[in-house]
Amino acid sequence: MRALFVVTDGFEDIEYTATRDVLKRGGISTVTVSGRLHDRTRPIVGKEGAEVVSYEEIDAIDPSDFDLLVIPGGPQVPELKANPKVLALVKWYMAHPQKYVAAICAAPTILGELGYLKGRDYTVFPTMDGDFGGRFHRQYAVVDGHLITGDGPAAAIAFGLAILKTVLGEDVRDQVASGMFYQD
């Protein structure tokens, strides 16, 4: 199982690092791609200063090589929305229901604005819930088919565990949660 993370400057640090850590504890390998429109020669810097120094360019990956697309939120989201390559990646994953899409905090607004939340259960950072045509739930993580959404930074571990449960099953999720002393 392989997960593809998409980030650019201003990603929400904990949503990237904690989610990635939880997935790795569950045995999922991860690759990060840059969602930058410009200046691809330096580290990608999160909202709170975390740096991603090892990443691939979005043009260099084949989405079919990955089972899961993960999009953290934060101030990066407007740049991701403005990048046609990121939007094409999201559309590709949403068109392949055997693949998974996970977005947290502000990132589900990308899905909502593309129409992918219509008729679906989802969560998003509460102040960013627009009229996406679906059913908003005020909880840490919501799963609807191959779509997993999270509501904000505090949800990062619960979001990662929801991804594990969805893609690898409850036993893996419970084993990782227990190893982290996570209590529901």
N, C-alpha and C. Protein backbone atom coordinates (compact mmCIF):
# COMPACT_ATOMS: atom_id res chain seq x y z
N MET A 1 0.85 -1.18 0.00
CA MET A 1 0.00 0.00 0.00
C MET A 1 0.89 1.24 0.00
N ARG A 2 0.56 2.19 -0.90
CA ARG A 2 1.36 3.42 -1.02
C ARG A 2 0.46 4.64 -0.97
N ALA A 3 0.90 5.65 -0.24
CA ALA A 3 0.15 6.90 -0.13
C ALA A 3 0.94 8.04 -0.75
N LEU A 4 0.23 8.92 -1.43
CA LEU A 4 0.81 10.09 -2.07
C LEU A 4 0.30 11.33 -1.34
N PHE A 5 1.20 12.10 -0.73
CA PHE A 5 0.84 13.35 -0.06
C PHE A 5 1.15 14.51 -1.00
N VAL A 6 0.26 15.50 -1.03
CA VAL A 6 0.48 16.70 -1.83
C VAL A 6 0.55 17.90 -0.89
N VAL A 7 1.69 18.61 -0.91
CA VAL A 7 1.85 19.79 -0.08
C VAL A 7 2.56 20.90 -0.84
N THR A 8 2.35 22.12 -0.37
CA THR A 8 3.10 23.27 -0.82
C THR A 8 3.33 24.16 0.40
N ASP A 9 4.00 25.26 0.23
CA ASP A 9 4.27 26.14 1.36
C ASP A 9 2.97 26.51 2.07
N GLY A 10 3.01 26.44 3.39
CA GLY A 10 1.84 26.78 4.19
C GLY A 10 0.98 25.60 4.57
N PHE A 11 1.45 24.37 4.31
CA PHE A 11 0.67 23.21 4.74
C PHE A 11 0.56 23.23 6.26
N GLU A 12 -0.51 22.65 6.77
CA GLU A 12 -0.69 22.55 8.22
C GLU A 12 0.22 21.44 8.72
N ASP A 13 1.26 21.81 9.44
CA ASP A 13 2.33 20.89 9.84
C ASP A 13 1.83 19.59 10.47
N ILE A 14 0.99 19.71 11.47
CA ILE A 14 0.57 18.52 12.21
C ILE A 14 -0.30 17.61 11.34
N GLU A 15 -1.05 18.19 10.43
CA GLU A 15 -1.90 17.37 9.56
C GLU A 15 -1.05 16.53 8.60
N TYR A 16 0.07 17.08 8.19
CA TYR A 16 0.99 16.33 7.33
C TYR A 16 1.80 15.33 8.16
N THR A 17 2.47 15.81 9.20
CA THR A 17 3.40 14.95 9.92
C THR A 17 2.69 13.85 10.71
N ALA A 18 1.63 14.19 11.42
CA ALA A 18 0.94 13.18 12.23
C ALA A 18 0.23 12.14 11.35
N THR A 19 -0.43 12.60 10.31
CA THR A 19 -1.12 11.65 9.43
C THR A 19 -0.11 10.72 8.76
N ARG A 20 0.96 11.29 8.27
CA ARG A 20 2.00 10.49 7.62
C ARG A 20 2.59 9.48 8.61
N ASP A 21 2.86 9.91 9.83
CA ASP A 21 3.39 9.02 10.86
C ASP A 21 2.44 7.86 11.14
N VAL A 22 1.15 8.15 11.30
CA VAL A 22 0.17 7.10 11.58
C VAL A 22 0.13 6.10 10.43
N LEU A 23 0.13 6.59 9.20
CA LEU A 23 0.08 5.68 8.05
C LEU A 23 1.33 4.81 8.00
N LYS A 24 2.49 5.39 8.26
CA LYS A 24 3.72 4.61 8.25
C LYS A 24 3.72 3.54 9.34
N ARG A 25 3.17 3.86 10.51
CA ARG A 25 3.06 2.88 11.58
C ARG A 25 2.17 1.71 11.16
N GLY A 26 1.23 1.98 10.27
CA GLY A 26 0.34 0.94 9.75
C GLY A 26 0.92 0.18 8.57
N GLY A 27 2.14 0.53 8.17
CA GLY A 27 2.79 -0.19 7.09
C GLY A 27 2.58 0.41 5.71
N ILE A 28 2.05 1.60 5.64
CA ILE A 28 1.83 2.26 4.35
C ILE A 28 3.06 3.09 4.02
N SER A 29 3.64 2.89 2.86
CA SER A 29 4.77 3.72 2.45
C SER A 29 4.21 5.03 1.89
N THR A 30 4.99 6.10 2.06
CA THR A 30 4.52 7.41 1.64
C THR A 30 5.53 8.10 0.74
N VAL A 31 4.99 8.89 -0.18
CA VAL A 31 5.77 9.75 -1.05
C VAL A 31 5.08 11.11 -1.02
N THR A 32 5.87 12.16 -0.99
CA THR A 32 5.32 13.52 -0.98
C THR A 32 5.65 14.17 -2.32
N VAL A 33 4.65 14.85 -2.89
CA VAL A 33 4.86 15.62 -4.11
C VAL A 33 4.61 17.09 -3.83
N SER A 34 5.28 17.91 -4.59
CA SER A 34 5.13 19.35 -4.46
C SER A 34 3.91 19.82 -5.24
N GLY A 35 3.08 20.60 -4.56
CA GLY A 35 1.95 21.24 -5.22
C GLY A 35 2.24 22.68 -5.57
N ARG A 36 3.52 23.05 -5.58
CA ARG A 36 3.91 24.43 -5.87
C ARG A 36 3.68 24.79 -7.33
N LEU A 37 3.34 26.04 -7.52
CA LEU A 37 3.25 26.57 -8.88
C LEU A 37 4.61 27.11 -9.33
N HIS A 38 5.42 27.56 -8.36
CA HIS A 38 6.71 28.20 -8.68
C HIS A 38 7.78 27.77 -7.68
N ASP A 39 9.04 28.09 -7.98
CA ASP A 39 10.18 27.91 -7.08
C ASP A 39 10.23 26.52 -6.46
N ARG A 40 10.61 25.58 -7.28
CA ARG A 40 10.63 24.19 -6.85
C ARG A 40 12.00 23.72 -6.38
N THR A 41 12.89 24.65 -6.07
CA THR A 41 14.27 24.27 -5.76
C THR A 41 14.57 24.23 -4.27
N ARG A 42 13.66 24.65 -3.42
CA ARG A 42 13.95 24.73 -1.98
C ARG A 42 12.97 23.85 -1.21
N PRO A 43 13.24 23.65 0.08
CA PRO A 43 12.30 22.86 0.89
C PRO A 43 10.90 23.49 0.90
N ILE A 44 9.91 22.64 1.09
CA ILE A 44 8.54 23.11 1.26
C ILE A 44 8.37 23.38 2.75
N VAL A 45 7.87 24.55 3.10
CA VAL A 45 7.81 24.97 4.50
C VAL A 45 6.36 25.06 4.96
N GLY A 46 6.07 24.37 6.06
CA GLY A 46 4.74 24.38 6.63
C GLY A 46 4.42 25.67 7.35
N LYS A 47 3.17 25.82 7.71
CA LYS A 47 2.66 27.00 8.42
C LYS A 47 3.45 27.28 9.69
N GLU A 48 3.83 26.24 10.41
CA GLU A 48 4.57 26.39 11.67
C GLU A 48 6.07 26.15 11.52
N GLY A 49 6.56 26.01 10.29
CA GLY A 49 7.99 25.92 10.06
C GLY A 49 8.56 24.55 9.75
N ALA A 50 7.75 23.49 9.81
CA ALA A 50 8.26 22.17 9.42
C ALA A 50 8.70 22.22 7.96
N GLU A 51 9.81 21.55 7.67
CA GLU A 51 10.32 21.55 6.29
C GLU A 51 10.24 20.16 5.69
N VAL A 52 9.77 20.11 4.46
CA VAL A 52 9.78 18.88 3.67
C VAL A 52 10.91 19.05 2.67
N VAL A 53 11.99 18.29 2.88
CA VAL A 53 13.16 18.44 2.02
C VAL A 53 13.23 17.34 0.96
N SER A 54 12.54 16.26 1.18
CA SER A 54 12.54 15.15 0.23
C SER A 54 11.15 15.03 -0.38
N TYR A 55 11.05 15.42 -1.63
CA TYR A 55 9.76 15.36 -2.32
C TYR A 55 9.98 15.18 -3.82
N GLU A 56 8.95 14.73 -4.48
CA GLU A 56 8.97 14.54 -5.92
C GLU A 56 8.20 15.69 -6.58
N GLU A 57 8.47 15.91 -7.82
CA GLU A 57 7.66 16.86 -8.59
C GLU A 57 6.40 16.14 -9.06
N ILE A 58 5.32 16.84 -9.11
CA ILE A 58 4.03 16.24 -9.45
C ILE A 58 4.06 15.60 -10.84
N ASP A 59 4.84 16.17 -11.76
CA ASP A 59 4.95 15.61 -13.12
C ASP A 59 5.69 14.28 -13.14
N ALA A 60 6.46 14.00 -12.10
CA ALA A 60 7.32 12.81 -12.09
C ALA A 60 6.62 11.55 -11.56
N ILE A 61 5.38 11.69 -11.11
CA ILE A 61 4.71 10.54 -10.51
C ILE A 61 3.59 10.04 -11.43
N ASP A 62 3.30 8.77 -11.27
CA ASP A 62 2.17 8.14 -11.95
C ASP A 62 1.15 7.83 -10.87
N PRO A 63 -0.02 8.47 -10.90
CA PRO A 63 -0.99 8.25 -9.82
C PRO A 63 -1.41 6.80 -9.66
N SER A 64 -1.33 6.04 -10.73
CA SER A 64 -1.73 4.63 -10.63
C SER A 64 -0.77 3.81 -9.77
N ASP A 65 0.40 4.36 -9.46
CA ASP A 65 1.37 3.68 -8.59
C ASP A 65 1.02 3.82 -7.11
N PHE A 66 -0.01 4.61 -6.79
CA PHE A 66 -0.37 4.89 -5.41
C PHE A 66 -1.83 4.50 -5.17
N ASP A 67 -2.10 4.04 -3.95
CA ASP A 67 -3.44 3.60 -3.58
C ASP A 67 -4.26 4.70 -2.94
N LEU A 68 -3.60 5.74 -2.49
CA LEU A 68 -4.23 6.75 -1.64
C LEU A 68 -3.62 8.11 -1.90
N LEU A 69 -4.47 9.11 -2.06
CA LEU A 69 -4.05 10.50 -2.17
C LEU A 69 -4.42 11.19 -0.86
N VAL A 70 -3.45 11.88 -0.23
CA VAL A 70 -3.69 12.58 1.03
C VAL A 70 -3.36 14.06 0.83
N ILE A 71 -4.33 14.92 1.22
CA ILE A 71 -4.13 16.36 1.08
C ILE A 71 -4.33 17.02 2.44
N PRO A 72 -3.24 17.45 3.08
CA PRO A 72 -3.37 18.22 4.32
C PRO A 72 -3.95 19.60 4.00
N GLY A 73 -4.43 20.28 5.05
CA GLY A 73 -4.99 21.61 4.86
C GLY A 73 -4.00 22.69 5.23
N GLY A 74 -4.54 23.81 5.66
CA GLY A 74 -3.73 24.96 6.02
C GLY A 74 -3.76 26.03 4.96
N PRO A 75 -2.96 27.07 5.15
CA PRO A 75 -2.93 28.18 4.19
C PRO A 75 -2.45 27.79 2.79
N GLN A 76 -1.99 26.56 2.63
CA GLN A 76 -1.56 26.09 1.31
C GLN A 76 -2.72 25.88 0.34
N VAL A 77 -3.92 25.70 0.85
CA VAL A 77 -5.04 25.25 0.02
C VAL A 77 -5.33 26.17 -1.17
N PRO A 78 -5.33 27.51 -1.04
CA PRO A 78 -5.57 28.33 -2.24
C PRO A 78 -4.57 28.06 -3.37
N GLU A 79 -3.29 27.84 -3.03
CA GLU A 79 -2.32 27.54 -4.08
C GLU A 79 -2.60 26.18 -4.71
N LEU A 80 -3.00 25.20 -3.90
CA LEU A 80 -3.35 23.89 -4.45
C LEU A 80 -4.54 24.02 -5.40
N LYS A 81 -5.53 24.82 -5.01
CA LYS A 81 -6.71 25.03 -5.85
C LYS A 81 -6.36 25.71 -7.17
N ALA A 82 -5.31 26.52 -7.16
CA ALA A 82 -4.90 27.26 -8.35
C ALA A 82 -3.98 26.45 -9.27
N ASN A 83 -3.56 25.27 -8.81
CA ASN A 83 -2.62 24.47 -9.59
C ASN A 83 -3.39 23.43 -10.41
N PRO A 84 -3.44 23.59 -11.73
CA PRO A 84 -4.19 22.64 -12.55
C PRO A 84 -3.69 21.21 -12.45
N LYS A 85 -2.41 21.03 -12.13
CA LYS A 85 -1.87 19.68 -11.99
C LYS A 85 -2.39 19.00 -10.73
N VAL A 86 -2.54 19.77 -9.66
CA VAL A 86 -3.12 19.22 -8.42
C VAL A 86 -4.58 18.86 -8.67
N LEU A 87 -5.32 19.76 -9.32
CA LEU A 87 -6.73 19.49 -9.59
C LEU A 87 -6.89 18.26 -10.49
N ALA A 88 -6.02 18.11 -11.46
CA ALA A 88 -6.07 16.92 -12.33
C ALA A 88 -5.80 15.65 -11.53
N LEU A 89 -4.89 15.73 -10.57
CA LEU A 89 -4.59 14.59 -9.71
C LEU A 89 -5.81 14.21 -8.87
N VAL A 90 -6.45 15.20 -8.27
CA VAL A 90 -7.65 14.96 -7.47
C VAL A 90 -8.73 14.31 -8.34
N LYS A 91 -8.94 14.85 -9.52
CA LYS A 91 -9.96 14.31 -10.44
C LYS A 91 -9.64 12.87 -10.83
N TRP A 92 -8.38 12.59 -11.05
CA TRP A 92 -7.99 11.22 -11.42
C TRP A 92 -8.36 10.25 -10.30
N TYR A 93 -7.98 10.60 -9.06
CA TYR A 93 -8.27 9.71 -7.93
C TYR A 93 -9.78 9.57 -7.70
N MET A 94 -10.52 10.64 -7.83
CA MET A 94 -11.96 10.56 -7.62
C MET A 94 -12.64 9.73 -8.71
N ALA A 95 -12.04 9.65 -9.87
CA ALA A 95 -12.59 8.84 -10.97
C ALA A 95 -12.24 7.36 -10.83
N HIS A 96 -11.43 7.02 -9.86
CA HIS A 96 -11.01 5.64 -9.64
C HIS A 96 -11.42 5.19 -8.24
N PRO A 97 -12.65 4.69 -8.09
CA PRO A 97 -13.15 4.37 -6.76
C PRO A 97 -12.42 3.24 -6.03
N GLN A 98 -11.53 2.52 -6.72
CA GLN A 98 -10.73 1.51 -6.03
C GLN A 98 -9.53 2.17 -5.33
N LYS A 99 -9.32 3.46 -5.60
CA LYS A 99 -8.29 4.25 -4.94
C LYS A 99 -8.98 5.08 -3.85
N TYR A 100 -8.20 5.66 -2.95
CA TYR A 100 -8.76 6.44 -1.84
C TYR A 100 -8.29 7.89 -1.91
N VAL A 101 -9.15 8.78 -1.44
CA VAL A 101 -8.82 10.20 -1.34
C VAL A 101 -9.08 10.62 0.10
N ALA A 102 -8.08 11.25 0.72
CA ALA A 102 -8.20 11.72 2.10
C ALA A 102 -7.79 13.19 2.14
N ALA A 103 -8.66 14.02 2.68
CA ALA A 103 -8.40 15.46 2.77
C ALA A 103 -8.84 15.95 4.15
N ILE A 104 -8.05 16.85 4.72
CA ILE A 104 -8.32 17.32 6.08
C ILE A 104 -8.27 18.84 6.15
N CYS A 105 -9.04 19.40 7.09
CA CYS A 105 -9.06 20.82 7.41
C CYS A 105 -9.66 21.62 6.26
N ALA A 106 -8.90 22.47 5.62
CA ALA A 106 -9.38 23.26 4.48
C ALA A 106 -9.37 22.47 3.18
N ALA A 107 -8.60 21.39 3.13
CA ALA A 107 -8.45 20.63 1.88
C ALA A 107 -9.75 20.04 1.34
N PRO A 108 -10.71 19.61 2.17
CA PRO A 108 -11.96 19.13 1.59
C PRO A 108 -12.71 20.17 0.77
N THR A 109 -12.38 21.47 0.96
CA THR A 109 -13.02 22.48 0.12
C THR A 109 -12.63 22.30 -1.35
N ILE A 110 -11.46 21.75 -1.59
CA ILE A 110 -11.06 21.45 -2.97
C ILE A 110 -12.06 20.46 -3.57
N LEU A 111 -12.35 19.41 -2.81
CA LEU A 111 -13.31 18.40 -3.26
C LEU A 111 -14.70 18.99 -3.42
N GLY A 112 -15.09 19.84 -2.47
CA GLY A 112 -16.40 20.46 -2.52
C GLY A 112 -16.58 21.36 -3.72
N GLU A 113 -15.57 22.17 -3.99
CA GLU A 113 -15.65 23.09 -5.12
C GLU A 113 -15.63 22.36 -6.46
N LEU A 114 -15.08 21.16 -6.48
CA LEU A 114 -15.09 20.35 -7.70
C LEU A 114 -16.37 19.51 -7.81
N GLY A 115 -17.23 19.58 -6.80
CA GLY A 115 -18.51 18.87 -6.84
C GLY A 115 -18.48 17.46 -6.28
N TYR A 116 -17.38 17.05 -5.69
CA TYR A 116 -17.25 15.67 -5.22
C TYR A 116 -17.88 15.40 -3.86
N LEU A 117 -18.37 16.43 -3.18
CA LEU A 117 -19.02 16.21 -1.89
C LEU A 117 -20.55 16.16 -2.00
N LYS A 118 -21.07 16.39 -3.20
CA LYS A 118 -22.52 16.34 -3.40
C LYS A 118 -23.05 14.96 -3.03
N GLY A 119 -24.07 14.97 -2.16
CA GLY A 119 -24.71 13.72 -1.77
C GLY A 119 -23.88 12.84 -0.87
N ARG A 120 -22.76 13.34 -0.37
CA ARG A 120 -21.86 12.53 0.44
C ARG A 120 -21.77 13.04 1.87
N ASP A 121 -21.35 12.16 2.76
CA ASP A 121 -21.05 12.54 4.13
C ASP A 121 -19.60 13.01 4.16
N TYR A 122 -19.34 14.11 4.87
CA TYR A 122 -17.99 14.67 4.92
C TYR A 122 -17.85 15.57 6.14
N THR A 123 -16.60 15.94 6.42
CA THR A 123 -16.30 17.00 7.37
C THR A 123 -15.23 17.89 6.76
N VAL A 124 -15.08 19.05 7.33
CA VAL A 124 -14.14 20.06 6.87
C VAL A 124 -13.96 21.01 8.05
N PHE A 125 -12.92 21.83 8.04
CA PHE A 125 -12.77 22.82 9.10
C PHE A 125 -14.09 23.57 9.20
N PRO A 126 -14.73 23.57 10.37
CA PRO A 126 -16.12 24.01 10.49
C PRO A 126 -16.45 25.37 9.88
N THR A 127 -15.57 26.33 9.99
CA THR A 127 -15.88 27.65 9.43
C THR A 127 -15.76 27.69 7.91
N MET A 128 -15.29 26.61 7.32
CA MET A 128 -15.10 26.57 5.87
C MET A 128 -16.15 25.73 5.16
N ASP A 129 -17.13 25.23 5.92
CA ASP A 129 -18.17 24.42 5.28
C ASP A 129 -19.04 25.32 4.42
N GLY A 130 -18.97 25.09 3.13
CA GLY A 130 -19.80 25.83 2.18
C GLY A 130 -21.00 24.99 1.80
N ASP A 131 -21.73 25.44 0.84
CA ASP A 131 -22.86 24.66 0.36
C ASP A 131 -22.35 23.68 -0.68
N PHE A 132 -21.81 22.57 -0.20
CA PHE A 132 -21.20 21.58 -1.09
C PHE A 132 -22.19 20.51 -1.53
N GLY A 133 -23.43 20.60 -1.06
CA GLY A 133 -24.46 19.66 -1.51
C GLY A 133 -24.42 18.30 -0.84
N GLY A 134 -23.64 18.18 0.20
CA GLY A 134 -23.56 16.92 0.93
C GLY A 134 -24.02 17.09 2.36
N ARG A 135 -23.62 16.16 3.20
CA ARG A 135 -24.02 16.17 4.60
C ARG A 135 -22.79 16.40 5.48
N PHE A 136 -22.67 17.62 5.99
CA PHE A 136 -21.56 17.99 6.86
C PHE A 136 -21.76 17.39 8.24
N HIS A 137 -20.69 16.81 8.80
CA HIS A 137 -20.72 16.26 10.15
C HIS A 137 -19.62 16.93 10.96
N ARG A 138 -19.96 17.38 12.15
CA ARG A 138 -18.96 18.01 13.02
C ARG A 138 -18.31 16.92 13.85
N GLN A 139 -17.32 16.25 13.24
CA GLN A 139 -16.55 15.22 13.93
C GLN A 139 -15.16 15.17 13.33
N TYR A 140 -14.25 14.50 14.03
CA TYR A 140 -12.85 14.49 13.60
C TYR A 140 -12.64 13.89 12.22
N ALA A 141 -13.26 12.78 11.93
CA ALA A 141 -13.07 12.12 10.63
C ALA A 141 -14.38 11.51 10.18
N VAL A 142 -14.60 11.57 8.87
CA VAL A 142 -15.81 11.01 8.27
C VAL A 142 -15.38 10.20 7.04
N VAL A 143 -15.94 9.00 6.93
CA VAL A 143 -15.63 8.14 5.78
C VAL A 143 -16.91 7.95 4.98
N ASP A 144 -16.81 8.15 3.67
CA ASP A 144 -17.91 7.90 2.75
C ASP A 144 -17.31 7.20 1.53
N GLY A 145 -17.43 5.88 1.51
CA GLY A 145 -16.83 5.12 0.41
C GLY A 145 -15.33 5.27 0.39
N HIS A 146 -14.80 5.70 -0.75
CA HIS A 146 -13.34 5.84 -0.88
C HIS A 146 -12.85 7.24 -0.50
N LEU A 147 -13.73 8.02 0.11
CA LEU A 147 -13.40 9.39 0.51
C LEU A 147 -13.34 9.49 2.04
N ILE A 148 -12.21 10.00 2.55
CA ILE A 148 -12.02 10.18 3.98
C ILE A 148 -11.71 11.66 4.19
N THR A 149 -12.49 12.32 5.09
CA THR A 149 -12.25 13.73 5.36
C THR A 149 -12.03 13.93 6.86
N GLY A 150 -11.24 14.95 7.18
CA GLY A 150 -10.95 15.31 8.56
C GLY A 150 -11.23 16.78 8.78
N ASP A 151 -11.47 17.18 10.05
CA ASP A 151 -11.94 18.55 10.26
C ASP A 151 -10.91 19.57 10.71
N GLY A 152 -9.71 19.19 11.07
CA GLY A 152 -8.74 20.21 11.45
C GLY A 152 -7.52 19.63 12.15
N PRO A 153 -6.60 20.50 12.58
CA PRO A 153 -5.36 20.05 13.17
C PRO A 153 -5.52 19.07 14.33
N ALA A 154 -6.49 19.31 15.21
CA ALA A 154 -6.67 18.41 16.36
C ALA A 154 -7.10 17.02 15.94
N ALA A 155 -7.60 16.89 14.73
CA ALA A 155 -8.10 15.62 14.23
C ALA A 155 -7.04 14.77 13.56
N ALA A 156 -5.82 15.24 13.46
CA ALA A 156 -4.82 14.58 12.62
C ALA A 156 -4.61 13.09 12.95
N ILE A 157 -4.53 12.74 14.20
CA ILE A 157 -4.31 11.32 14.54
C ILE A 157 -5.57 10.51 14.26
N ALA A 158 -6.73 11.03 14.66
CA ALA A 158 -7.99 10.33 14.38
C ALA A 158 -8.20 10.17 12.87
N PHE A 159 -7.82 11.18 12.12
CA PHE A 159 -7.91 11.14 10.65
C PHE A 159 -7.01 10.04 10.10
N GLY A 160 -5.76 9.99 10.57
CA GLY A 160 -4.85 8.93 10.13
C GLY A 160 -5.37 7.55 10.47
N LEU A 161 -5.93 7.41 11.67
CA LEU A 161 -6.49 6.11 12.07
C LEU A 161 -7.72 5.75 11.24
N ALA A 162 -8.53 6.74 10.87
CA ALA A 162 -9.69 6.49 10.01
C ALA A 162 -9.23 6.01 8.63
N ILE A 163 -8.14 6.59 8.15
CA ILE A 163 -7.58 6.14 6.86
C ILE A 163 -7.14 4.68 6.99
N LEU A 164 -6.39 4.37 8.05
CA LEU A 164 -5.93 2.99 8.24
C LEU A 164 -7.10 2.01 8.28
N LYS A 165 -8.12 2.34 9.05
CA LYS A 165 -9.29 1.45 9.15
C LYS A 165 -9.95 1.25 7.80
N THR A 166 -10.03 2.32 7.01
CA THR A 166 -10.69 2.24 5.70
C THR A 166 -9.89 1.43 4.71
N VAL A 167 -8.58 1.64 4.68
CA VAL A 167 -7.78 1.01 3.63
C VAL A 167 -7.15 -0.32 4.03
N LEU A 168 -6.92 -0.53 5.34
CA LEU A 168 -6.26 -1.76 5.78
C LEU A 168 -7.08 -2.58 6.77
N GLY A 169 -8.15 -2.01 7.29
CA GLY A 169 -9.02 -2.75 8.19
C GLY A 169 -8.89 -2.35 9.65
N GLU A 170 -9.87 -2.76 10.41
CA GLU A 170 -9.97 -2.38 11.82
C GLU A 170 -8.84 -2.96 12.67
N ASP A 171 -8.37 -4.17 12.35
CA ASP A 171 -7.29 -4.77 13.14
C ASP A 171 -6.02 -3.93 13.07
N VAL A 172 -5.66 -3.47 11.87
CA VAL A 172 -4.46 -2.64 11.71
C VAL A 172 -4.66 -1.32 12.44
N ARG A 173 -5.82 -0.73 12.27
CA ARG A 173 -6.13 0.53 12.95
C ARG A 173 -5.99 0.37 14.46
N ASP A 174 -6.57 -0.68 15.00
CA ASP A 174 -6.53 -0.90 16.45
C ASP A 174 -5.12 -1.17 16.95
N GLN A 175 -4.34 -1.91 16.18
CA GLN A 175 -2.96 -2.20 16.57
C GLN A 175 -2.14 -0.91 16.63
N VAL A 176 -2.29 -0.06 15.63
CA VAL A 176 -1.55 1.21 15.61
C VAL A 176 -2.03 2.10 16.75
N ALA A 177 -3.34 2.22 16.93
CA ALA A 177 -3.89 3.06 18.00
C ALA A 177 -3.38 2.58 19.36
N SER A 178 -3.37 1.29 19.59
CA SER A 178 -2.90 0.74 20.85
C SER A 178 -1.42 1.04 21.05
N GLY A 179 -0.63 0.88 20.00
CA GLY A 179 0.81 1.15 20.09
C GLY A 179 1.13 2.61 20.38
N MET A 180 0.19 3.50 20.07
CA MET A 180 0.38 4.93 20.33
C MET A 180 -0.31 5.35 21.63
N PHE A 181 -0.93 4.40 22.32
CA PHE A 181 -1.71 4.68 23.53
C PHE A 181 -2.85 5.66 23.24
N TYR A 182 -3.41 5.55 22.03
CA TYR A 182 -4.55 6.39 21.62
C TYR A 182 -5.82 5.81 22.19
N GLN A 183 -6.64 6.67 22.77
CA GLN A 183 -7.93 6.23 23.31
C GLN A 183 -9.04 7.00 22.63
N ASP A 184 -10.05 6.28 22.17
CA ASP A 184 -11.19 6.93 21.51
C ASP A 184 -12.08 7.61 22.53
